[in-house]
């Protein structure tokens, strides 16, 4: 049984920003980032509980080839993607999103 992966609007903004940045660095690198991200989402569809908690109930999965983590929560049969963050980004923004979902 697969889970539904739902990308929340703030995470969509994170993805667009990363895509644009990679495309500005090297043409088509943004597309490679999206391919790796889709692969990560595929793992979340199949086995979302395999990743450790970042701050319960929020988990983090890493994106292959790129220094990004995907923050998400599992609710019923859905995976809600809260953010897609560069590993060197200030963790306070990660923590803020995790806390918001931790209250629901």
PDB file of N, CA and C in Angstrom:
ATOM      1  N   UNK A   1       0.841  -1.175   0.000  1.00  0.00           N
ATOM      2  CA  UNK A   1       0.000   0.000   0.000  1.00  0.00           C
ATOM      3  C   UNK A   1       0.890   1.243   0.000  1.00  0.00           C
ATOM      4  N   UNK A   2       0.626   2.146  -0.922  1.00  0.00           N
ATOM      5  CA  UNK A   2       1.397   3.386  -1.013  1.00  0.00           C
ATOM      6  C   UNK A   2       0.699   4.520  -0.282  1.00  0.00           C
ATOM      7  N   UNK A   3       1.511   5.414   0.227  1.00  0.00           N
ATOM      8  CA  UNK A   3       1.015   6.626   0.873  1.00  0.00           C
ATOM      9  C   UNK A   3       0.892   7.722  -0.183  1.00  0.00           C
ATOM     10  N   UNK A   4      -0.006   8.665   0.040  1.00  0.00           N
ATOM     11  CA  UNK A   4      -0.098   9.854  -0.804  1.00  0.00           C
ATOM     12  C   UNK A   4       0.924  10.859  -0.297  1.00  0.00           C
ATOM     13  N   UNK A   5       1.716  11.426  -1.201  1.00  0.00           N
ATOM     14  CA  UNK A   5       2.666  12.477  -0.833  1.00  0.00           C
ATOM     15  C   UNK A   5       2.043  13.815  -1.216  1.00  0.00           C
ATOM     16  N   UNK A   6       1.846  14.664  -0.218  1.00  0.00           N
ATOM     17  CA  UNK A   6       1.238  15.974  -0.416  1.00  0.00           C
ATOM     18  C   UNK A   6       2.288  17.031  -0.071  1.00  0.00           C
ATOM     19  N   UNK A   7       2.626  17.849  -1.046  1.00  0.00           N
ATOM     20  CA  UNK A   7       3.643  18.882  -0.849  1.00  0.00           C
ATOM     21  C   UNK A   7       2.942  20.173  -0.435  1.00  0.00           C
ATOM     22  N   UNK A   8       3.216  20.614   0.772  1.00  0.00           N
ATOM     23  CA  UNK A   8       2.624  21.841   1.303  1.00  0.00           C
ATOM     24  C   UNK A   8       3.196  23.067   0.579  1.00  0.00           C
ATOM     25  N   UNK A   9       2.435  24.165   0.501  1.00  0.00           N
ATOM     26  CA  UNK A   9       2.898  25.366  -0.219  1.00  0.00           C
ATOM     27  C   UNK A   9       4.289  25.881   0.181  1.00  0.00           C
ATOM     28  N   UNK A  10       4.655  25.920   1.476  1.00  0.00           N
ATOM     29  CA  UNK A  10       6.022  26.378   1.783  1.00  0.00           C
ATOM     30  C   UNK A  10       7.099  25.466   1.189  1.00  0.00           C
ATOM     31  N   UNK A  11       6.817  24.159   1.143  1.00  0.00           N
ATOM     32  CA  UNK A  11       7.774  23.224   0.549  1.00  0.00           C
ATOM     33  C   UNK A  11       7.858  23.425  -0.965  1.00  0.00           C
ATOM     34  N   UNK A  12       6.723  23.727  -1.602  1.00  0.00           N
ATOM     35  CA  UNK A  12       6.740  24.022  -3.034  1.00  0.00           C
ATOM     36  C   UNK A  12       7.645  25.220  -3.321  1.00  0.00           C
ATOM     37  N   UNK A  13       7.576  26.229  -2.460  1.00  0.00           N
ATOM     38  CA  UNK A  13       8.446  27.405  -2.618  1.00  0.00           C
ATOM     39  C   UNK A  13       9.905  27.027  -2.452  1.00  0.00           C
ATOM     40  N   UNK A  14      10.203  26.169  -1.478  1.00  0.00           N
ATOM     41  CA  UNK A  14      11.579  25.698  -1.280  1.00  0.00           C
ATOM     42  C   UNK A  14      12.093  24.998  -2.535  1.00  0.00           C
ATOM     43  N   UNK A  15      11.252  24.162  -3.111  1.00  0.00           N
ATOM     44  CA  UNK A  15      11.643  23.384  -4.295  1.00  0.00           C
ATOM     45  C   UNK A  15      11.894  24.313  -5.481  1.00  0.00           C
ATOM     46  N   UNK A  16      11.000  25.272  -5.690  1.00  0.00           N
ATOM     47  CA  UNK A  16      11.188  26.231  -6.799  1.00  0.00           C
ATOM     48  C   UNK A  16      12.488  27.007  -6.646  1.00  0.00           C
ATOM     49  N   UNK A  17      12.773  27.462  -5.425  1.00  0.00           N
ATOM     50  CA  UNK A  17      13.995  28.239  -5.184  1.00  0.00           C
ATOM     51  C   UNK A  17      15.242  27.396  -5.440  1.00  0.00           C
ATOM     52  N   UNK A  18      15.243  26.160  -4.984  1.00  0.00           N
ATOM     53  CA  UNK A  18      16.403  25.284  -5.205  1.00  0.00           C
ATOM     54  C   UNK A  18      16.567  24.983  -6.692  1.00  0.00           C
ATOM     55  N   UNK A  19      15.461  24.694  -7.366  1.00  0.00           N
ATOM     56  CA  UNK A  19      15.510  24.427  -8.800  1.00  0.00           C
ATOM     57  C   UNK A  19      16.120  25.617  -9.548  1.00  0.00           C
ATOM     58  N   UNK A  20      15.632  26.812  -9.259  1.00  0.00           N
ATOM     59  CA  UNK A  20      16.130  28.010  -9.946  1.00  0.00           C
ATOM     60  C   UNK A  20      17.607  28.230  -9.671  1.00  0.00           C
ATOM     61  N   UNK A  21      18.015  28.033  -8.420  1.00  0.00           N
ATOM     62  CA  UNK A  21      19.423  28.236  -8.083  1.00  0.00           C
ATOM     63  C   UNK A  21      20.302  27.255  -8.857  1.00  0.00           C
ATOM     64  N   UNK A  22      19.929  25.977  -8.882  1.00  0.00           N
ATOM     65  CA  UNK A  22      20.720  24.979  -9.605  1.00  0.00           C
ATOM     66  C   UNK A  22      20.745  25.255 -11.106  1.00  0.00           C
ATOM     67  N   UNK A  23      19.619  25.693 -11.653  1.00  0.00           N
ATOM     68  CA  UNK A  23      19.580  26.013 -13.085  1.00  0.00           C
ATOM     69  C   UNK A  23      20.503  27.188 -13.414  1.00  0.00           C
ATOM     70  N   UNK A  24      20.619  28.155 -12.522  1.00  0.00           N
ATOM     71  CA  UNK A  24      21.521  29.290 -12.743  1.00  0.00           C
ATOM     72  C   UNK A  24      22.980  28.874 -12.676  1.00  0.00           C
ATOM     73  N   UNK A  25      23.272  27.835 -11.908  1.00  0.00           N
ATOM     74  CA  UNK A  25      24.648  27.371 -11.775  1.00  0.00           C
ATOM     75  C   UNK A  25      25.081  26.582 -13.011  1.00  0.00           C
ATOM     76  N   UNK A  26      24.280  25.622 -13.378  1.00  0.00           N
ATOM     77  CA  UNK A  26      24.568  24.750 -14.525  1.00  0.00           C
ATOM     78  C   UNK A  26      23.239  24.387 -15.182  1.00  0.00           C
ATOM     79  N   UNK A  27      23.068  24.721 -16.465  1.00  0.00           N
ATOM     80  CA  UNK A  27      21.817  24.352 -17.136  1.00  0.00           C
ATOM     81  C   UNK A  27      21.544  22.846 -17.004  1.00  0.00           C
ATOM     82  N   UNK A  28      20.343  22.512 -16.697  1.00  0.00           N
ATOM     83  CA  UNK A  28      19.808  21.157 -16.503  1.00  0.00           C
ATOM     84  C   UNK A  28      20.091  20.573 -15.120  1.00  0.00           C
ATOM     85  N   UNK A  29      20.926  21.237 -14.317  1.00  0.00           N
ATOM     86  CA  UNK A  29      21.179  20.719 -12.972  1.00  0.00           C
ATOM     87  C   UNK A  29      19.917  20.817 -12.108  1.00  0.00           C
ATOM     88  N   UNK A  30      19.110  21.825 -12.335  1.00  0.00           N
ATOM     89  CA  UNK A  30      17.835  21.933 -11.621  1.00  0.00           C
ATOM     90  C   UNK A  30      16.942  20.745 -11.915  1.00  0.00           C
ATOM     91  N   UNK A  31      16.943  20.300 -13.158  1.00  0.00           N
ATOM     92  CA  UNK A  31      16.133  19.134 -13.522  1.00  0.00           C
ATOM     93  C   UNK A  31      16.670  17.873 -12.850  1.00  0.00           C
ATOM     94  N   UNK A  32      17.981  17.773 -12.738  1.00  0.00           N
ATOM     95  CA  UNK A  32      18.566  16.626 -12.041  1.00  0.00           C
ATOM     96  C   UNK A  32      18.173  16.644 -10.562  1.00  0.00           C
ATOM     97  N   UNK A  33      18.124  17.841  -9.983  1.00  0.00           N
ATOM     98  CA  UNK A  33      17.668  17.977  -8.608  1.00  0.00           C
ATOM     99  C   UNK A  33      16.228  17.462  -8.478  1.00  0.00           C
ATOM    100  N   UNK A  34      15.362  17.854  -9.411  1.00  0.00           N
ATOM    101  CA  UNK A  34      13.967  17.401  -9.364  1.00  0.00           C
ATOM    102  C   UNK A  34      13.855  15.888  -9.508  1.00  0.00           C
ATOM    103  N   UNK A  35      14.692  15.288 -10.342  1.00  0.00           N
ATOM    104  CA  UNK A  35      14.679  13.827 -10.499  1.00  0.00           C
ATOM    105  C   UNK A  35      15.047  13.157  -9.169  1.00  0.00           C
ATOM    106  N   UNK A  36      16.083  13.675  -8.508  1.00  0.00           N
ATOM    107  CA  UNK A  36      16.485  13.113  -7.216  1.00  0.00           C
ATOM    108  C   UNK A  36      15.403  13.323  -6.164  1.00  0.00           C
ATOM    109  N   UNK A  37      14.761  14.473  -6.208  1.00  0.00           N
ATOM    110  CA  UNK A  37      13.690  14.760  -5.261  1.00  0.00           C
ATOM    111  C   UNK A  37      12.503  13.824  -5.498  1.00  0.00           C
ATOM    112  N   UNK A  38      12.156  13.584  -6.749  1.00  0.00           N
ATOM    113  CA  UNK A  38      11.058  12.642  -7.057  1.00  0.00           C
ATOM    114  C   UNK A  38      11.388  11.242  -6.560  1.00  0.00           C
ATOM    115  N   UNK A  39      12.646  10.861  -6.671  1.00  0.00           N
ATOM    116  CA  UNK A  39      13.070   9.556  -6.170  1.00  0.00           C
ATOM    117  C   UNK A  39      12.877   9.486  -4.651  1.00  0.00           C
ATOM    118  N   UNK A  40      13.230  10.554  -3.965  1.00  0.00           N
ATOM    119  CA  UNK A  40      13.023  10.633  -2.512  1.00  0.00           C
ATOM    120  C   UNK A  40      11.535  10.538  -2.194  1.00  0.00           C
ATOM    121  N   UNK A  41      10.718  11.261  -2.929  1.00  0.00           N
ATOM    122  CA  UNK A  41       9.266  11.204  -2.722  1.00  0.00           C
ATOM    123  C   UNK A  41       8.741   9.790  -2.966  1.00  0.00           C
ATOM    124  N   UNK A  42       9.316   9.094  -3.935  1.00  0.00           N
ATOM    125  CA  UNK A  42       8.922   7.706  -4.194  1.00  0.00           C
ATOM    126  C   UNK A  42       9.195   6.810  -2.991  1.00  0.00           C
ATOM    127  N   UNK A  43      10.338   7.022  -2.341  1.00  0.00           N
ATOM    128  CA  UNK A  43      10.627   6.250  -1.124  1.00  0.00           C
ATOM    129  C   UNK A  43       9.628   6.595  -0.025  1.00  0.00           C
ATOM    130  N   UNK A  44       9.242   7.869   0.046  1.00  0.00           N
ATOM    131  CA  UNK A  44       8.253   8.271   1.054  1.00  0.00           C
ATOM    132  C   UNK A  44       6.895   7.646   0.779  1.00  0.00           C
ATOM    133  N   UNK A  45       6.553   7.478  -0.486  1.00  0.00           N
ATOM    134  CA  UNK A  45       5.283   6.825  -0.841  1.00  0.00           C
ATOM    135  C   UNK A  45       5.259   5.381  -0.350  1.00  0.00           C
ATOM    136  N   UNK A  46       6.395   4.712  -0.478  1.00  0.00           N
ATOM    137  CA  UNK A  46       6.449   3.288  -0.156  1.00  0.00           C
ATOM    138  C   UNK A  46       6.719   3.007   1.321  1.00  0.00           C
ATOM    139  N   UNK A  47       7.679   3.710   1.901  1.00  0.00           N
ATOM    140  CA  UNK A  47       8.105   3.396   3.272  1.00  0.00           C
ATOM    141  C   UNK A  47       8.449   4.666   4.051  1.00  0.00           C
ATOM    142  N   UNK A  48       7.477   5.497   4.352  1.00  0.00           N
ATOM    143  CA  UNK A  48       7.779   6.770   5.011  1.00  0.00           C
ATOM    144  C   UNK A  48       8.323   6.636   6.424  1.00  0.00           C
ATOM    145  N   UNK A  49       8.015   5.548   7.107  1.00  0.00           N
ATOM    146  CA  UNK A  49       8.455   5.396   8.497  1.00  0.00           C
ATOM    147  C   UNK A  49       9.911   4.965   8.614  1.00  0.00           C
ATOM    148  N   UNK A  50      10.592   4.758   7.495  1.00  0.00           N
ATOM    149  CA  UNK A  50      11.982   4.289   7.554  1.00  0.00           C
ATOM    150  C   UNK A  50      12.961   5.381   8.000  1.00  0.00           C
ATOM    151  N   UNK A  51      12.541   6.637   7.957  1.00  0.00           N
ATOM    152  CA  UNK A  51      13.437   7.733   8.315  1.00  0.00           C
ATOM    153  C   UNK A  51      13.229   8.154   9.762  1.00  0.00           C
ATOM    154  N   UNK A  52      14.307   8.634  10.370  1.00  0.00           N
ATOM    155  CA  UNK A  52      14.275   9.032  11.777  1.00  0.00           C
ATOM    156  C   UNK A  52      13.519  10.337  11.968  1.00  0.00           C
ATOM    157  N   UNK A  53      13.103  10.521  13.208  1.00  0.00           N
ATOM    158  CA  UNK A  53      12.459  11.779  13.577  1.00  0.00           C
ATOM    159  C   UNK A  53      13.486  12.907  13.597  1.00  0.00           C
ATOM    160  N   UNK A  54      13.078  14.033  13.061  1.00  0.00           N
ATOM    161  CA  UNK A  54      13.860  15.267  13.186  1.00  0.00           C
ATOM    162  C   UNK A  54      13.470  15.917  14.509  1.00  0.00           C
ATOM    163  N   UNK A  55      12.191  16.094  14.681  1.00  0.00           N
ATOM    164  CA  UNK A  55      11.592  16.574  15.923  1.00  0.00           C
ATOM    165  C   UNK A  55      10.171  16.038  15.890  1.00  0.00           C
ATOM    166  N   UNK A  56       9.905  15.018  16.698  1.00  0.00           N
ATOM    167  CA  UNK A  56       8.635  14.302  16.626  1.00  0.00           C
ATOM    168  C   UNK A  56       7.447  15.255  16.600  1.00  0.00           C
ATOM    169  N   UNK A  57       6.508  15.073  15.688  1.00  0.00           N
ATOM    170  CA  UNK A  57       6.256  13.969  14.763  1.00  0.00           C
ATOM    171  C   UNK A  57       6.897  14.158  13.383  1.00  0.00           C
ATOM    172  N   UNK A  58       7.796  15.115  13.248  1.00  0.00           N
ATOM    173  CA  UNK A  58       8.391  15.444  11.952  1.00  0.00           C
ATOM    174  C   UNK A  58       9.633  14.579  11.712  1.00  0.00           C
ATOM    175  N   UNK A  59       9.684  14.009  10.520  1.00  0.00           N
ATOM    176  CA  UNK A  59      10.829  13.174  10.105  1.00  0.00           C
ATOM    177  C   UNK A  59      11.596  13.894   9.013  1.00  0.00           C
ATOM    178  N   UNK A  60      12.821  13.404   8.751  1.00  0.00           N
ATOM    179  CA  UNK A  60      13.636  13.989   7.693  1.00  0.00           C
ATOM    180  C   UNK A  60      14.236  12.890   6.824  1.00  0.00           C
ATOM    181  N   UNK A  61      14.083  13.052   5.513  1.00  0.00           N
ATOM    182  CA  UNK A  61      14.696  12.161   4.526  1.00  0.00           C
ATOM    183  C   UNK A  61      15.686  12.986   3.717  1.00  0.00           C
ATOM    184  N   UNK A  62      16.814  12.403   3.388  1.00  0.00           N
ATOM    185  CA  UNK A  62      17.811  13.104   2.579  1.00  0.00           C
ATOM    186  C   UNK A  62      17.603  12.834   1.104  1.00  0.00           C
ATOM    187  N   UNK A  63      17.921  13.842   0.293  1.00  0.00           N
ATOM    188  CA  UNK A  63      17.819  13.746  -1.159  1.00  0.00           C
ATOM    189  C   UNK A  63      19.156  13.230  -1.691  1.00  0.00           C
ATOM    190  N   UNK A  64      19.124  12.178  -2.493  1.00  0.00           N
ATOM    191  CA  UNK A  64      20.354  11.641  -3.087  1.00  0.00           C
ATOM    192  C   UNK A  64      21.023  12.682  -3.974  1.00  0.00           C
ATOM    193  N   UNK A  65      22.365  12.722  -3.920  1.00  0.00           N
ATOM    194  CA  UNK A  65      23.213  13.561  -4.776  1.00  0.00           C
ATOM    195  C   UNK A  65      23.204  15.037  -4.415  1.00  0.00           C
ATOM    196  N   UNK A  66      22.235  15.492  -3.657  1.00  0.00           N
ATOM    197  CA  UNK A  66      22.117  16.916  -3.349  1.00  0.00           C
ATOM    198  C   UNK A  66      22.044  17.092  -1.836  1.00  0.00           C
ATOM    199  N   UNK A  67      22.623  18.172  -1.323  1.00  0.00           N
ATOM    200  CA  UNK A  67      22.652  18.362   0.135  1.00  0.00           C
ATOM    201  C   UNK A  67      21.346  18.954   0.676  1.00  0.00           C
ATOM    202  N   UNK A  68      20.272  18.236   0.466  1.00  0.00           N
ATOM    203  CA  UNK A  68      18.955  18.689   0.894  1.00  0.00           C
ATOM    204  C   UNK A  68      18.269  17.615   1.718  1.00  0.00           C
ATOM    205  N   UNK A  69      17.464  18.077   2.666  1.00  0.00           N
ATOM    206  CA  UNK A  69      16.625  17.198   3.461  1.00  0.00           C
ATOM    207  C   UNK A  69      15.172  17.546   3.233  1.00  0.00           C
ATOM    208  N   UNK A  70      14.325  16.546   3.314  1.00  0.00           N
ATOM    209  CA  UNK A  70      12.882  16.718   3.161  1.00  0.00           C
ATOM    210  C   UNK A  70      12.251  16.496   4.535  1.00  0.00           C
ATOM    211  N   UNK A  71      11.603  17.528   5.062  1.00  0.00           N
ATOM    212  CA  UNK A  71      10.880  17.415   6.324  1.00  0.00           C
ATOM    213  C   UNK A  71       9.443  17.008   6.023  1.00  0.00           C
ATOM    214  N   UNK A  72       8.929  16.027   6.768  1.00  0.00           N
ATOM    215  CA  UNK A  72       7.580  15.560   6.501  1.00  0.00           C
ATOM    216  C   UNK A  72       6.960  14.948   7.751  1.00  0.00           C
ATOM    217  N   UNK A  73       5.650  14.835   7.721  1.00  0.00           N
ATOM    218  CA  UNK A  73       4.909  14.124   8.762  1.00  0.00           C
ATOM    219  C   UNK A  73       4.016  13.085   8.089  1.00  0.00           C
ATOM    220  N   UNK A  74       3.762  12.027   8.821  1.00  0.00           N
ATOM    221  CA  UNK A  74       2.866  10.967   8.359  1.00  0.00           C
ATOM    222  C   UNK A  74       1.546  11.122   9.109  1.00  0.00           C
ATOM    223  N   UNK A  75       0.465  11.222   8.366  1.00  0.00           N
ATOM    224  CA  UNK A  75      -0.876  11.299   8.953  1.00  0.00           C
ATOM    225  C   UNK A  75      -1.768  10.345   8.178  1.00  0.00           C
ATOM    226  N   UNK A  76      -2.292   9.354   8.866  1.00  0.00           N
ATOM    227  CA  UNK A  76      -3.137   8.338   8.250  1.00  0.00           C
ATOM    228  C   UNK A  76      -2.382   7.722   7.075  1.00  0.00           C
ATOM    229  N   UNK A  77      -2.900   7.828   5.871  1.00  0.00           N
ATOM    230  CA  UNK A  77      -2.239   7.251   4.689  1.00  0.00           C
ATOM    231  C   UNK A  77      -1.587   8.326   3.826  1.00  0.00           C
ATOM    232  N   UNK A  78      -1.236   9.450   4.446  1.00  0.00           N
ATOM    233  CA  UNK A  78      -0.641  10.559   3.701  1.00  0.00           C
ATOM    234  C   UNK A  78       0.681  10.981   4.322  1.00  0.00           C
ATOM    235  N   UNK A  79       1.561  11.467   3.462  1.00  0.00           N
ATOM    236  CA  UNK A  79       2.829  12.066   3.863  1.00  0.00           C
ATOM    237  C   UNK A  79       2.743  13.531   3.468  1.00  0.00           C
ATOM    238  N   UNK A  80       2.848  14.409   4.441  1.00  0.00           N
ATOM    239  CA  UNK A  80       2.797  15.849   4.191  1.00  0.00           C
ATOM    240  C   UNK A  80       4.217  16.391   4.207  1.00  0.00           C
ATOM    241  N   UNK A  81       4.681  16.879   3.061  1.00  0.00           N
ATOM    242  CA  UNK A  81       6.028  17.459   2.954  1.00  0.00           C
ATOM    243  C   UNK A  81       5.935  18.907   3.411  1.00  0.00           C
ATOM    244  N   UNK A  82       6.674  19.221   4.471  1.00  0.00           N
ATOM    245  CA  UNK A  82       6.633  20.550   5.076  1.00  0.00           C
ATOM    246  C   UNK A  82       7.704  21.479   4.530  1.00  0.00           C
ATOM    247  N   UNK A  83       8.838  20.910   4.151  1.00  0.00           N
ATOM    248  CA  UNK A  83       9.930  21.740   3.670  1.00  0.00           C
ATOM    249  C   UNK A  83      10.994  20.913   2.982  1.00  0.00           C
ATOM    250  N   UNK A  84      11.757  21.568   2.123  1.00  0.00           N
ATOM    251  CA  UNK A  84      12.906  20.968   1.448  1.00  0.00           C
ATOM    252  C   UNK A  84      14.051  21.954   1.668  1.00  0.00           C
ATOM    253  N   UNK A  85      14.966  21.590   2.565  1.00  0.00           N
ATOM    254  CA  UNK A  85      15.988  22.524   3.031  1.00  0.00           C
ATOM    255  C   UNK A  85      17.400  22.057   2.694  1.00  0.00           C
ATOM    256  N   UNK A  86      18.249  23.025   2.358  1.00  0.00           N
ATOM    257  CA  UNK A  86      19.674  22.756   2.203  1.00  0.00           C
ATOM    258  C   UNK A  86      20.247  22.420   3.571  1.00  0.00           C
ATOM    259  N   UNK A  87      21.150  21.455   3.633  1.00  0.00           N
ATOM    260  CA  UNK A  87      21.698  21.023   4.912  1.00  0.00           C
ATOM    261  C   UNK A  87      22.460  22.126   5.645  1.00  0.00           C
ATOM    262  N   UNK A  88      22.985  23.098   4.928  1.00  0.00           N
ATOM    263  CA  UNK A  88      23.735  24.167   5.589  1.00  0.00           C
ATOM    264  C   UNK A  88      22.870  25.358   5.976  1.00  0.00           C
ATOM    265  N   UNK A  89      21.594  25.266   5.687  1.00  0.00           N
ATOM    266  CA  UNK A  89      20.688  26.357   6.047  1.00  0.00           C
ATOM    267  C   UNK A  89      20.514  26.400   7.566  1.00  0.00           C
ATOM    268  N   UNK A  90      20.292  27.578   8.083  1.00  0.00           N
ATOM    269  CA  UNK A  90      20.088  27.748   9.511  1.00  0.00           C
ATOM    270  C   UNK A  90      18.939  26.849   9.967  1.00  0.00           C
ATOM    271  N   UNK A  91      19.184  25.966  10.931  1.00  0.00           N
ATOM    272  CA  UNK A  91      18.138  25.024  11.334  1.00  0.00           C
ATOM    273  C   UNK A  91      16.935  25.665  12.013  1.00  0.00           C
ATOM    274  N   UNK A  92      17.002  26.924  12.349  1.00  0.00           N
ATOM    275  CA  UNK A  92      15.851  27.548  13.004  1.00  0.00           C
ATOM    276  C   UNK A  92      14.613  27.524  12.106  1.00  0.00           C
ATOM    277  N   UNK A  93      14.797  27.659  10.784  1.00  0.00           N
ATOM    278  CA  UNK A  93      13.644  27.613   9.881  1.00  0.00           C
ATOM    279  C   UNK A  93      13.063  26.201   9.819  1.00  0.00           C
ATOM    280  N   UNK A  94      13.912  25.178   9.898  1.00  0.00           N
ATOM    281  CA  UNK A  94      13.433  23.799   9.950  1.00  0.00           C
ATOM    282  C   UNK A  94      12.614  23.603  11.219  1.00  0.00           C
ATOM    283  N   UNK A  95      13.185  24.072  12.335  1.00  0.00           N
ATOM    284  CA  UNK A  95      12.559  23.865  13.635  1.00  0.00           C
ATOM    285  C   UNK A  95      11.213  24.576  13.710  1.00  0.00           C
ATOM    286  N   UNK A  96      11.127  25.770  13.136  1.00  0.00           N
ATOM    287  CA  UNK A  96       9.866  26.516  13.140  1.00  0.00           C
ATOM    288  C   UNK A  96       8.755  25.710  12.458  1.00  0.00           C
ATOM    289  N   UNK A  97       9.055  25.162  11.299  1.00  0.00           N
ATOM    290  CA  UNK A  97       8.027  24.372  10.587  1.00  0.00           C
ATOM    291  C   UNK A  97       7.699  23.089  11.346  1.00  0.00           C
ATOM    292  N   UNK A  98       8.712  22.483  11.946  1.00  0.00           N
ATOM    293  CA  UNK A  98       8.476  21.253  12.713  1.00  0.00           C
ATOM    294  C   UNK A  98       7.570  21.534  13.909  1.00  0.00           C
ATOM    295  N   UNK A  99       7.798  22.645  14.580  1.00  0.00           N
ATOM    296  CA  UNK A  99       6.980  22.976  15.755  1.00  0.00           C
ATOM    297  C   UNK A  99       5.531  23.230  15.372  1.00  0.00           C
ATOM    298  N   UNK A 100       5.322  23.902  14.252  1.00  0.00           N
ATOM    299  CA  UNK A 100       3.956  24.187  13.817  1.00  0.00           C
ATOM    300  C   UNK A 100       3.194  22.881  13.622  1.00  0.00           C
ATOM    301  N   UNK A 101       3.815  21.904  12.960  1.00  0.00           N
ATOM    302  CA  UNK A 101       3.133  20.631  12.716  1.00  0.00           C
ATOM    303  C   UNK A 101       3.072  19.772  13.956  1.00  0.00           C
ATOM    304  N   UNK A 102       4.003  19.966  14.874  1.00  0.00           N
ATOM    305  CA  UNK A 102       3.986  19.183  16.099  1.00  0.00           C
ATOM    306  C   UNK A 102       2.779  19.475  16.972  1.00  0.00           C
ATOM    307  N   UNK A 103       2.158  20.622  16.773  1.00  0.00           N
ATOM    308  CA  UNK A 103       0.991  21.011  17.574  1.00  0.00           C
ATOM    309  C   UNK A 103      -0.302  20.455  17.018  1.00  0.00           C
ATOM    310  N   UNK A 104      -0.293  19.972  15.773  1.00  0.00           N
ATOM    311  CA  UNK A 104      -1.556  19.548  15.162  1.00  0.00           C
ATOM    312  C   UNK A 104      -1.818  18.082  15.411  1.00  0.00           C
TER     313      UNK A 104
END
